[in-house]
Amino acid sequence: MHDEVKGQVPVAFAVVKDASLVATDAGRKALEAEVKQKVDALLGAIARPHRVYFISGLPKTRSGKMLRRSIQALAEGRDPGDLTTIEDRSTLDQIVEALKSQ
């Protein structure tokens, strides 16, 4: 995503198996901190996401491929492009709503 100071910062979209973990603000913040710590441990602080958005599903094609290009476009406020092969359009709507809540 665009950042005024750094130019761009990484963000993460994560699917939670148990939605009750992120039902409260405190639960969401705790799980977000846990994700950031895991990224620090595996990839280093340079890759730590600026923000972690929890959603119920990620946009995929009917054949199961992740629509990373579309996710990035939505995060940057651009048109997501050709979505004729998307399996569940509501996943893109969830990303848009999550980004509005920041």
PDB file of N, CA and C in Angstrom:
ATOM      1  N   MET A   1       0.832  -1.183   0.000  1.00  0.00           N
ATOM      2  CA  MET A   1       0.000   0.000   0.000  1.00  0.00           C
ATOM      3  C   MET A   1       0.876   1.245   0.000  1.00  0.00           C
ATOM      4  N   HIS A   2       0.296   2.326  -0.488  1.00  0.00           N
ATOM      5  CA  HIS A   2       0.998   3.607  -0.497  1.00  0.00           C
ATOM      6  C   HIS A   2       1.131   4.142   0.928  1.00  0.00           C
ATOM      7  N   ASP A   3       2.279   4.719   1.231  1.00  0.00           N
ATOM      8  CA  ASP A   3       2.532   5.338   2.526  1.00  0.00           C
ATOM      9  C   ASP A   3       3.222   6.670   2.277  1.00  0.00           C
ATOM     10  N   GLU A   4       2.779   7.705   2.958  1.00  0.00           N
ATOM     11  CA  GLU A   4       3.330   9.047   2.754  1.00  0.00           C
ATOM     12  C   GLU A   4       4.809   9.128   3.126  1.00  0.00           C
ATOM     13  N   VAL A   5       5.233   8.436   4.158  1.00  0.00           N
ATOM     14  CA  VAL A   5       6.605   8.515   4.639  1.00  0.00           C
ATOM     15  C   VAL A   5       7.523   7.525   3.925  1.00  0.00           C
ATOM     16  N   LYS A   6       7.106   6.266   3.838  1.00  0.00           N
ATOM     17  CA  LYS A   6       7.967   5.203   3.323  1.00  0.00           C
ATOM     18  C   LYS A   6       7.784   4.912   1.837  1.00  0.00           C
ATOM     19  N   GLY A   7       6.777   5.481   1.230  1.00  0.00           N
ATOM     20  CA  GLY A   7       6.509   5.199  -0.177  1.00  0.00           C
ATOM     21  C   GLY A   7       5.508   4.068  -0.310  1.00  0.00           C
ATOM     22  N   GLN A   8       5.907   2.867   0.088  1.00  0.00           N
ATOM     23  CA  GLN A   8       5.014   1.719   0.120  1.00  0.00           C
ATOM     24  C   GLN A   8       5.304   0.886   1.355  1.00  0.00           C
ATOM     25  N   VAL A   9       4.249   0.288   1.903  1.00  0.00           N
ATOM     26  CA  VAL A   9       4.384  -0.610   3.046  1.00  0.00           C
ATOM     27  C   VAL A   9       3.611  -1.895   2.750  1.00  0.00           C
ATOM     28  N   PRO A  10       4.114  -3.017   3.256  1.00  0.00           N
ATOM     29  CA  PRO A  10       3.379  -4.273   3.040  1.00  0.00           C
ATOM     30  C   PRO A  10       2.158  -4.350   3.963  1.00  0.00           C
ATOM     31  N   VAL A  11       1.095  -4.936   3.472  1.00  0.00           N
ATOM     32  CA  VAL A  11      -0.080  -5.245   4.285  1.00  0.00           C
ATOM     33  C   VAL A  11      -0.408  -6.719   4.062  1.00  0.00           C
ATOM     34  N   ALA A  12      -1.141  -7.294   5.003  1.00  0.00           N
ATOM     35  CA  ALA A  12      -1.486  -8.715   4.893  1.00  0.00           C
ATOM     36  C   ALA A  12      -2.988  -8.886   4.995  1.00  0.00           C
ATOM     37  N   PHE A  13      -3.500  -9.825   4.224  1.00  0.00           N
ATOM     38  CA  PHE A  13      -4.892 -10.241   4.313  1.00  0.00           C
ATOM     39  C   PHE A  13      -4.861 -11.689   4.761  1.00  0.00           C
ATOM     40  N   ALA A  14      -5.450 -11.961   5.921  1.00  0.00           N
ATOM     41  CA  ALA A  14      -5.373 -13.295   6.502  1.00  0.00           C
ATOM     42  C   ALA A  14      -6.769 -13.867   6.704  1.00  0.00           C
ATOM     43  N   VAL A  15      -6.886 -15.156   6.447  1.00  0.00           N
ATOM     44  CA  VAL A  15      -8.130 -15.875   6.669  1.00  0.00           C
ATOM     45  C   VAL A  15      -8.038 -16.561   8.025  1.00  0.00           C
ATOM     46  N   VAL A  16      -9.014 -16.319   8.868  1.00  0.00           N
ATOM     47  CA  VAL A  16      -9.031 -16.894  10.207  1.00  0.00           C
ATOM     48  C   VAL A  16     -10.032 -18.043  10.227  1.00  0.00           C
ATOM     49  N   LYS A  17      -9.596 -19.203  10.694  1.00  0.00           N
ATOM     50  CA  LYS A  17     -10.490 -20.360  10.774  1.00  0.00           C
ATOM     51  C   LYS A  17     -11.580 -20.148  11.816  1.00  0.00           C
ATOM     52  N   ASP A  18     -11.218 -19.522  12.940  1.00  0.00           N
ATOM     53  CA  ASP A  18     -12.166 -19.277  14.021  1.00  0.00           C
ATOM     54  C   ASP A  18     -12.432 -17.774  14.103  1.00  0.00           C
ATOM     55  N   ALA A  19     -13.553 -17.335  13.554  1.00  0.00           N
ATOM     56  CA  ALA A  19     -13.876 -15.905  13.497  1.00  0.00           C
ATOM     57  C   ALA A  19     -14.028 -15.277  14.877  1.00  0.00           C
ATOM     58  N   SER A  20     -14.273 -16.087  15.901  1.00  0.00           N
ATOM     59  CA  SER A  20     -14.424 -15.530  17.248  1.00  0.00           C
ATOM     60  C   SER A  20     -13.107 -14.929  17.760  1.00  0.00           C
ATOM     61  N   LEU A  21     -11.980 -15.352  17.182  1.00  0.00           N
ATOM     62  CA  LEU A  21     -10.687 -14.802  17.593  1.00  0.00           C
ATOM     63  C   LEU A  21     -10.557 -13.324  17.253  1.00  0.00           C
ATOM     64  N   VAL A  22     -11.233 -12.883  16.210  1.00  0.00           N
ATOM     65  CA  VAL A  22     -11.137 -11.486  15.783  1.00  0.00           C
ATOM     66  C   VAL A  22     -12.467 -10.758  15.940  1.00  0.00           C
ATOM     67  N   ALA A  23     -13.364 -11.323  16.747  1.00  0.00           N
ATOM     68  CA  ALA A  23     -14.683 -10.716  16.943  1.00  0.00           C
ATOM     69  C   ALA A  23     -14.592  -9.423  17.754  1.00  0.00           C
ATOM     70  N   THR A  24     -13.616  -9.347  18.655  1.00  0.00           N
ATOM     71  CA  THR A  24     -13.448  -8.142  19.465  1.00  0.00           C
ATOM     72  C   THR A  24     -12.214  -7.382  18.991  1.00  0.00           C
ATOM     73  N   ASP A  25     -12.169  -6.123  19.305  1.00  0.00           N
ATOM     74  CA  ASP A  25     -11.021  -5.297  18.923  1.00  0.00           C
ATOM     75  C   ASP A  25      -9.744  -5.803  19.599  1.00  0.00           C
ATOM     76  N   ALA A  26      -9.858  -6.191  20.854  1.00  0.00           N
ATOM     77  CA  ALA A  26      -8.690  -6.696  21.584  1.00  0.00           C
ATOM     78  C   ALA A  26      -8.195  -8.003  20.967  1.00  0.00           C
ATOM     79  N   GLY A  27      -9.108  -8.877  20.584  1.00  0.00           N
ATOM     80  CA  GLY A  27      -8.731 -10.138  19.954  1.00  0.00           C
ATOM     81  C   GLY A  27      -8.058  -9.924  18.621  1.00  0.00           C
ATOM     82  N   ARG A  28      -8.590  -8.980  17.835  1.00  0.00           N
ATOM     83  CA  ARG A  28      -8.011  -8.671  16.530  1.00  0.00           C
ATOM     84  C   ARG A  28      -6.596  -8.119  16.697  1.00  0.00           C
ATOM     85  N   LYS A  29      -6.419  -7.211  17.647  1.00  0.00           N
ATOM     86  CA  LYS A  29      -5.097  -6.616  17.864  1.00  0.00           C
ATOM     87  C   LYS A  29      -4.085  -7.658  18.334  1.00  0.00           C
ATOM     88  N   ALA A  30      -4.528  -8.576  19.198  1.00  0.00           N
ATOM     89  CA  ALA A  30      -3.630  -9.615  19.693  1.00  0.00           C
ATOM     90  C   ALA A  30      -3.199 -10.542  18.559  1.00  0.00           C
ATOM     91  N   LEU A  31      -4.155 -10.937  17.707  1.00  0.00           N
ATOM     92  CA  LEU A  31      -3.811 -11.827  16.599  1.00  0.00           C
ATOM     93  C   LEU A  31      -2.960 -11.097  15.558  1.00  0.00           C
ATOM     94  N   GLU A  32      -3.224  -9.811  15.350  1.00  0.00           N
ATOM     95  CA  GLU A  32      -2.413  -9.016  14.430  1.00  0.00           C
ATOM     96  C   GLU A  32      -0.970  -8.946  14.925  1.00  0.00           C
ATOM     97  N   ALA A  33      -0.785  -8.734  16.225  1.00  0.00           N
ATOM     98  CA  ALA A  33       0.566  -8.696  16.794  1.00  0.00           C
ATOM     99  C   ALA A  33       1.261 -10.042  16.639  1.00  0.00           C
ATOM    100  N   GLU A  34       0.501 -11.123  16.804  1.00  0.00           N
ATOM    101  CA  GLU A  34       1.067 -12.464  16.647  1.00  0.00           C
ATOM    102  C   GLU A  34       1.530 -12.709  15.205  1.00  0.00           C
ATOM    103  N   VAL A  35       0.730 -12.265  14.241  1.00  0.00           N
ATOM    104  CA  VAL A  35       1.104 -12.410  12.830  1.00  0.00           C
ATOM    105  C   VAL A  35       2.371 -11.607  12.538  1.00  0.00           C
ATOM    106  N   LYS A  36       2.433 -10.382  13.042  1.00  0.00           N
ATOM    107  CA  LYS A  36       3.605  -9.544  12.814  1.00  0.00           C
ATOM    108  C   LYS A  36       4.860 -10.168  13.420  1.00  0.00           C
ATOM    109  N   GLN A  37       4.740 -10.746  14.611  1.00  0.00           N
ATOM    110  CA  GLN A  37       5.887 -11.402  15.250  1.00  0.00           C
ATOM    111  C   GLN A  37       6.350 -12.601  14.439  1.00  0.00           C
ATOM    112  N   LYS A  38       5.399 -13.353  13.897  1.00  0.00           N
ATOM    113  CA  LYS A  38       5.746 -14.533  13.092  1.00  0.00           C
ATOM    114  C   LYS A  38       6.488 -14.110  11.823  1.00  0.00           C
ATOM    115  N   VAL A  39       6.027 -13.039  11.185  1.00  0.00           N
ATOM    116  CA  VAL A  39       6.711 -12.536   9.990  1.00  0.00           C
ATOM    117  C   VAL A  39       8.119 -12.071  10.349  1.00  0.00           C
ATOM    118  N   ASP A  40       8.252 -11.371  11.469  1.00  0.00           N
ATOM    119  CA  ASP A  40       9.583 -10.942  11.922  1.00  0.00           C
ATOM    120  C   ASP A  40      10.522 -12.129  12.075  1.00  0.00           C
ATOM    121  N   ALA A  41      10.004 -13.204  12.679  1.00  0.00           N
ATOM    122  CA  ALA A  41      10.839 -14.371  12.943  1.00  0.00           C
ATOM    123  C   ALA A  41      11.220 -15.101  11.655  1.00  0.00           C
ATOM    124  N   LEU A  42      10.278 -15.195  10.715  1.00  0.00           N
ATOM    125  CA  LEU A  42      10.531 -15.956   9.491  1.00  0.00           C
ATOM    126  C   LEU A  42      11.228 -15.156   8.396  1.00  0.00           C
ATOM    127  N   LEU A  43      10.831 -13.889   8.231  1.00  0.00           N
ATOM    128  CA  LEU A  43      11.342 -13.100   7.104  1.00  0.00           C
ATOM    129  C   LEU A  43      12.148 -11.877   7.514  1.00  0.00           C
ATOM    130  N   GLY A  44      12.008 -11.439   8.751  1.00  0.00           N
ATOM    131  CA  GLY A  44      12.706 -10.245   9.213  1.00  0.00           C
ATOM    132  C   GLY A  44      11.773  -9.055   9.296  1.00  0.00           C
ATOM    133  N   ALA A  45      12.200  -8.066  10.040  1.00  0.00           N
ATOM    134  CA  ALA A  45      11.372  -6.885  10.293  1.00  0.00           C
ATOM    135  C   ALA A  45      11.057  -6.100   9.022  1.00  0.00           C
ATOM    136  N   ILE A  46      11.892  -6.206   8.013  1.00  0.00           N
ATOM    137  CA  ILE A  46      11.663  -5.473   6.769  1.00  0.00           C
ATOM    138  C   ILE A  46      10.376  -5.913   6.084  1.00  0.00           C
ATOM    139  N   ALA A  47       9.964  -7.163   6.308  1.00  0.00           N
ATOM    140  CA  ALA A  47       8.765  -7.703   5.667  1.00  0.00           C
ATOM    141  C   ALA A  47       7.525  -7.610   6.556  1.00  0.00           C
ATOM    142  N   ARG A  48       7.667  -7.078   7.769  1.00  0.00           N
ATOM    143  CA  ARG A  48       6.544  -6.988   8.699  1.00  0.00           C
ATOM    144  C   ARG A  48       5.411  -6.161   8.082  1.00  0.00           C
ATOM    145  N   PRO A  49       4.199  -6.722   8.060  1.00  0.00           N
ATOM    146  CA  PRO A  49       3.080  -5.960   7.491  1.00  0.00           C
ATOM    147  C   PRO A  49       2.737  -4.754   8.359  1.00  0.00           C
ATOM    148  N   HIS A  50       2.443  -3.671   7.704  1.00  0.00           N
ATOM    149  CA  HIS A  50       2.027  -2.455   8.400  1.00  0.00           C
ATOM    150  C   HIS A  50       0.688  -2.691   9.088  1.00  0.00           C
ATOM    151  N   ARG A  51      -0.152  -3.456   8.441  1.00  0.00           N
ATOM    152  CA  ARG A  51      -1.480  -3.766   8.974  1.00  0.00           C
ATOM    153  C   ARG A  51      -1.882  -5.153   8.499  1.00  0.00           C
ATOM    154  N   VAL A  52      -2.615  -5.874   9.349  1.00  0.00           N
ATOM    155  CA  VAL A  52      -3.135  -7.190   8.998  1.00  0.00           C
ATOM    156  C   VAL A  52      -4.650  -7.096   8.983  1.00  0.00           C
ATOM    157  N   TYR A  53      -5.253  -7.448   7.855  1.00  0.00           N
ATOM    158  CA  TYR A  53      -6.703  -7.436   7.706  1.00  0.00           C
ATOM    159  C   TYR A  53      -7.198  -8.877   7.739  1.00  0.00           C
ATOM    160  N   PHE A  54      -8.175  -9.135   8.588  1.00  0.00           N
ATOM    161  CA  PHE A  54      -8.725 -10.484   8.710  1.00  0.00           C
ATOM    162  C   PHE A  54     -10.038 -10.563   7.930  1.00  0.00           C
ATOM    163  N   ILE A  55     -10.087 -11.511   7.017  1.00  0.00           N
ATOM    164  CA  ILE A  55     -11.259 -11.702   6.175  1.00  0.00           C
ATOM    165  C   ILE A  55     -11.609 -13.185   6.154  1.00  0.00           C
ATOM    166  N   SER A  56     -12.782 -13.517   5.616  1.00  0.00           N
ATOM    167  CA  SER A  56     -13.214 -14.920   5.662  1.00  0.00           C
ATOM    168  C   SER A  56     -12.766 -15.732   4.451  1.00  0.00           C
ATOM    169  N   GLY A  57     -12.249 -15.071   3.423  1.00  0.00           N
ATOM    170  CA  GLY A  57     -11.775 -15.795   2.250  1.00  0.00           C
ATOM    171  C   GLY A  57     -10.976 -14.888   1.338  1.00  0.00           C
ATOM    172  N   LEU A  58     -10.088 -15.486   0.574  1.00  0.00           N
ATOM    173  CA  LEU A  58      -9.273 -14.742  -0.380  1.00  0.00           C
ATOM    174  C   LEU A  58      -9.803 -14.973  -1.792  1.00  0.00           C
ATOM    175  N   PRO A  59      -9.697 -13.966  -2.652  1.00  0.00           N
ATOM    176  CA  PRO A  59     -10.201 -14.128  -4.021  1.00  0.00           C
ATOM    177  C   PRO A  59      -9.351 -15.108  -4.823  1.00  0.00           C
ATOM    178  N   LYS A  60     -10.025 -16.086  -5.399  1.00  0.00           N
ATOM    179  CA  LYS A  60      -9.353 -17.106  -6.204  1.00  0.00           C
ATOM    180  C   LYS A  60     -10.123 -17.325  -7.497  1.00  0.00           C
ATOM    181  N   THR A  61      -9.418 -17.863  -8.475  1.00  0.00           N
ATOM    182  CA  THR A  61     -10.079 -18.243  -9.722  1.00  0.00           C
ATOM    183  C   THR A  61     -10.803 -19.566  -9.498  1.00  0.00           C
ATOM    184  N   ARG A  62     -11.592 -19.962 -10.463  1.00  0.00           N
ATOM    185  CA  ARG A  62     -12.301 -21.235 -10.354  1.00  0.00           C
ATOM    186  C   ARG A  62     -11.341 -22.419 -10.267  1.00  0.00           C
ATOM    187  N   SER A  63     -10.132 -22.254 -10.777  1.00  0.00           N
ATOM    188  CA  SER A  63      -9.147 -23.329 -10.710  1.00  0.00           C
ATOM    189  C   SER A  63      -8.308 -23.268  -9.428  1.00  0.00           C
ATOM    190  N   GLY A  64      -8.575 -22.294  -8.551  1.00  0.00           N
ATOM    191  CA  GLY A  64      -7.912 -22.221  -7.252  1.00  0.00           C
ATOM    192  C   GLY A  64      -6.709 -21.319  -7.155  1.00  0.00           C
ATOM    193  N   LYS A  65      -6.396 -20.583  -8.210  1.00  0.00           N
ATOM    194  CA  LYS A  65      -5.238 -19.683  -8.158  1.00  0.00           C
ATOM    195  C   LYS A  65      -5.627 -18.374  -7.475  1.00  0.00           C
ATOM    196  N   MET A  66      -4.715 -17.869  -6.641  1.00  0.00           N
ATOM    197  CA  MET A  66      -4.945 -16.626  -5.921  1.00  0.00           C
ATOM    198  C   MET A  66      -4.857 -15.436  -6.876  1.00  0.00           C
ATOM    199  N   LEU A  67      -5.772 -14.487  -6.723  1.00  0.00           N
ATOM    200  CA  LEU A  67      -5.771 -13.284  -7.561  1.00  0.00           C
ATOM    201  C   LEU A  67      -4.947 -12.191  -6.876  1.00  0.00           C
ATOM    202  N   ARG A  68      -3.636 -12.416  -6.766  1.00  0.00           N
ATOM    203  CA  ARG A  68      -2.752 -11.480  -6.067  1.00  0.00           C
ATOM    204  C   ARG A  68      -2.750 -10.107  -6.719  1.00  0.00           C
ATOM    205  N   ARG A  69      -2.767 -10.086  -8.028  1.00  0.00           N
ATOM    206  CA  ARG A  69      -2.756  -8.810  -8.758  1.00  0.00           C
ATOM    207  C   ARG A  69      -3.986  -7.969  -8.402  1.00  0.00           C
ATOM    208  N   SER A  70      -5.114  -8.604  -8.280  1.00  0.00           N
ATOM    209  CA  SER A  70      -6.353  -7.897  -7.944  1.00  0.00           C
ATOM    210  C   SER A  70      -6.340  -7.414  -6.500  1.00  0.00           C
ATOM    211  N   ILE A  71      -5.797  -8.231  -5.598  1.00  0.00           N
ATOM    212  CA  ILE A  71      -5.692  -7.824  -4.195  1.00  0.00           C
ATOM    213  C   ILE A  71      -4.802  -6.587  -4.084  1.00  0.00           C
ATOM    214  N   GLN A  72      -3.677  -6.605  -4.772  1.00  0.00           N
ATOM    215  CA  GLN A  72      -2.759  -5.466  -4.729  1.00  0.00           C
ATOM    216  C   GLN A  72      -3.420  -4.220  -5.319  1.00  0.00           C
ATOM    217  N   ALA A  73      -4.136  -4.381  -6.407  1.00  0.00           N
ATOM    218  CA  ALA A  73      -4.805  -3.240  -7.037  1.00  0.00           C
ATOM    219  C   ALA A  73      -5.831  -2.627  -6.094  1.00  0.00           C
ATOM    220  N   LEU A  74      -6.616  -3.437  -5.419  1.00  0.00           N
ATOM    221  CA  LEU A  74      -7.603  -2.922  -4.473  1.00  0.00           C
ATOM    222  C   LEU A  74      -6.925  -2.207  -3.318  1.00  0.00           C
ATOM    223  N   ALA A  75      -5.821  -2.762  -2.808  1.00  0.00           N
ATOM    224  CA  ALA A  75      -5.097  -2.140  -1.706  1.00  0.00           C
ATOM    225  C   ALA A  75      -4.526  -0.782  -2.108  1.00  0.00           C
ATOM    226  N   GLU A  76      -4.201  -0.625  -3.388  1.00  0.00           N
ATOM    227  CA  GLU A  76      -3.650   0.638  -3.881  1.00  0.00           C
ATOM    228  C   GLU A  76      -4.716   1.562  -4.445  1.00  0.00           C
ATOM    229  N   GLY A  77      -5.992   1.142  -4.377  1.00  0.00           N
ATOM    230  CA  GLY A  77      -7.084   1.981  -4.848  1.00  0.00           C
ATOM    231  C   GLY A  77      -7.253   1.987  -6.352  1.00  0.00           C
ATOM    232  N   ARG A  78      -6.730   0.952  -7.024  1.00  0.00           N
ATOM    233  CA  ARG A  78      -6.847   0.865  -8.480  1.00  0.00           C
ATOM    234  C   ARG A  78      -7.927  -0.130  -8.868  1.00  0.00           C
ATOM    235  N   ASP A  79      -8.241  -0.150 -10.154  1.00  0.00           N
ATOM    236  CA  ASP A  79      -9.189  -1.100 -10.706  1.00  0.00           C
ATOM    237  C   ASP A  79      -8.584  -2.508 -10.628  1.00  0.00           C
ATOM    238  N   PRO A  80      -9.325  -3.509 -10.121  1.00  0.00           N
ATOM    239  CA  PRO A  80      -8.752  -4.850  -9.985  1.00  0.00           C
ATOM    240  C   PRO A  80      -8.552  -5.597 -11.293  1.00  0.00           C
ATOM    241  N   GLY A  81      -9.010  -5.072 -12.392  1.00  0.00           N
ATOM    242  CA  GLY A  81      -8.779  -5.702 -13.687  1.00  0.00           C
ATOM    243  C   GLY A  81      -9.822  -6.747 -14.035  1.00  0.00           C
ATOM    244  N   ASP A  82      -9.445  -7.649 -14.909  1.00  0.00           N
ATOM    245  CA  ASP A  82     -10.351  -8.684 -15.411  1.00  0.00           C
ATOM    246  C   ASP A  82     -10.664  -9.702 -14.315  1.00  0.00           C
ATOM    247  N   LEU A  83     -11.943  -9.827 -13.986  1.00  0.00           N
ATOM    248  CA  LEU A  83     -12.358 -10.739 -12.926  1.00  0.00           C
ATOM    249  C   LEU A  83     -13.320 -11.809 -13.438  1.00  0.00           C
ATOM    250  N   THR A  84     -13.232 -12.134 -14.718  1.00  0.00           N
ATOM    251  CA  THR A  84     -14.167 -13.090 -15.298  1.00  0.00           C
ATOM    252  C   THR A  84     -13.984 -14.496 -14.745  1.00  0.00           C
ATOM    253  N   THR A  85     -12.817 -14.821 -14.222  1.00  0.00           N
ATOM    254  CA  THR A  85     -12.572 -16.174 -13.729  1.00  0.00           C
ATOM    255  C   THR A  85     -12.697 -16.293 -12.217  1.00  0.00           C
ATOM    256  N   ILE A  86     -13.130 -15.238 -11.536  1.00  0.00           N
ATOM    257  CA  ILE A  86     -13.183 -15.275 -10.076  1.00  0.00           C
ATOM    258  C   ILE A  86     -14.259 -16.261  -9.605  1.00  0.00           C
ATOM    259  N   GLU A  87     -13.929 -16.970  -8.543  1.00  0.00           N
ATOM    260  CA  GLU A  87     -14.846 -17.968  -8.009  1.00  0.00           C
ATOM    261  C   GLU A  87     -15.932 -17.328  -7.139  1.00  0.00           C
ATOM    262  N   ASP A  88     -15.551 -16.409  -6.244  1.00  0.00           N
ATOM    263  CA  ASP A  88     -16.493 -15.789  -5.309  1.00  0.00           C
ATOM    264  C   ASP A  88     -16.211 -14.296  -5.220  1.00  0.00           C
ATOM    265  N   ARG A  89     -17.043 -13.510  -5.865  1.00  0.00           N
ATOM    266  CA  ARG A  89     -16.835 -12.063  -5.916  1.00  0.00           C
ATOM    267  C   ARG A  89     -16.930 -11.399  -4.541  1.00  0.00           C
ATOM    268  N   SER A  90     -17.632 -12.017  -3.603  1.00  0.00           N
ATOM    269  CA  SER A  90     -17.791 -11.411  -2.279  1.00  0.00           C
ATOM    270  C   SER A  90     -16.451 -11.275  -1.547  1.00  0.00           C
ATOM    271  N   THR A  91     -15.465 -12.087  -1.920  1.00  0.00           N
ATOM    272  CA  THR A  91     -14.158 -11.979  -1.275  1.00  0.00           C
ATOM    273  C   THR A  91     -13.494 -10.632  -1.596  1.00  0.00           C
ATOM    274  N   LEU A  92     -13.700 -10.134  -2.806  1.00  0.00           N
ATOM    275  CA  LEU A  92     -13.170  -8.806  -3.150  1.00  0.00           C
ATOM    276  C   LEU A  92     -13.903  -7.725  -2.369  1.00  0.00           C
ATOM    277  N   ASP A  93     -15.200  -7.891  -2.196  1.00  0.00           N
ATOM    278  CA  ASP A  93     -15.977  -6.923  -1.417  1.00  0.00           C
ATOM    279  C   ASP A  93     -15.495  -6.877   0.031  1.00  0.00           C
ATOM    280  N   GLN A  94     -15.118  -8.033   0.576  1.00  0.00           N
ATOM    281  CA  GLN A  94     -14.591  -8.074   1.932  1.00  0.00           C
ATOM    282  C   GLN A  94     -13.284  -7.288   2.036  1.00  0.00           C
ATOM    283  N   ILE A  95     -12.443  -7.410   1.043  1.00  0.00           N
ATOM    284  CA  ILE A  95     -11.178  -6.673   1.040  1.00  0.00           C
ATOM    285  C   ILE A  95     -11.441  -5.180   0.989  1.00  0.00           C
ATOM    286  N   VAL A  96     -12.366  -4.758   0.145  1.00  0.00           N
ATOM    287  CA  VAL A  96     -12.714  -3.339   0.033  1.00  0.00           C
ATOM    288  C   VAL A  96     -13.227  -2.820   1.366  1.00  0.00           C
ATOM    289  N   GLU A  97     -14.112  -3.579   2.010  1.00  0.00           N
ATOM    290  CA  GLU A  97     -14.662  -3.166   3.310  1.00  0.00           C
ATOM    291  C   GLU A  97     -13.570  -3.127   4.386  1.00  0.00           C
ATOM    292  N   ALA A  98     -12.678  -4.090   4.376  1.00  0.00           N
ATOM    293  CA  ALA A  98     -11.585  -4.107   5.357  1.00  0.00           C
ATOM    294  C   ALA A  98     -10.689  -2.887   5.189  1.00  0.00           C
ATOM    295  N   LEU A  99     -10.407  -2.523   3.969  1.00  0.00           N
ATOM    296  CA  LEU A  99      -9.553  -1.364   3.708  1.00  0.00           C
ATOM    297  C   LEU A  99     -10.233  -0.064   4.125  1.00  0.00           C
ATOM    298  N   LYS A 100     -11.546   0.002   4.015  1.00  0.00           N
ATOM    299  CA  LYS A 100     -12.282   1.203   4.434  1.00  0.00           C
ATOM    300  C   LYS A 100     -12.234   1.373   5.953  1.00  0.00           C
ATOM    301  N   SER A 101     -12.124   0.268   6.685  1.00  0.00           N
ATOM    302  CA  SER A 101     -12.166   0.319   8.144  1.00  0.00           C
ATOM    303  C   SER A 101     -10.848   0.757   8.779  1.00  0.00           C
ATOM    304  N   GLN A 102      -9.843   0.998   7.989  1.00  0.00           N
ATOM    305  CA  GLN A 102      -8.547   1.378   8.563  1.00  0.00           C
ATOM    306  C   GLN A 102      -8.634   2.734   9.112  1.00  0.00           C
TER     307      GLN A 102
END
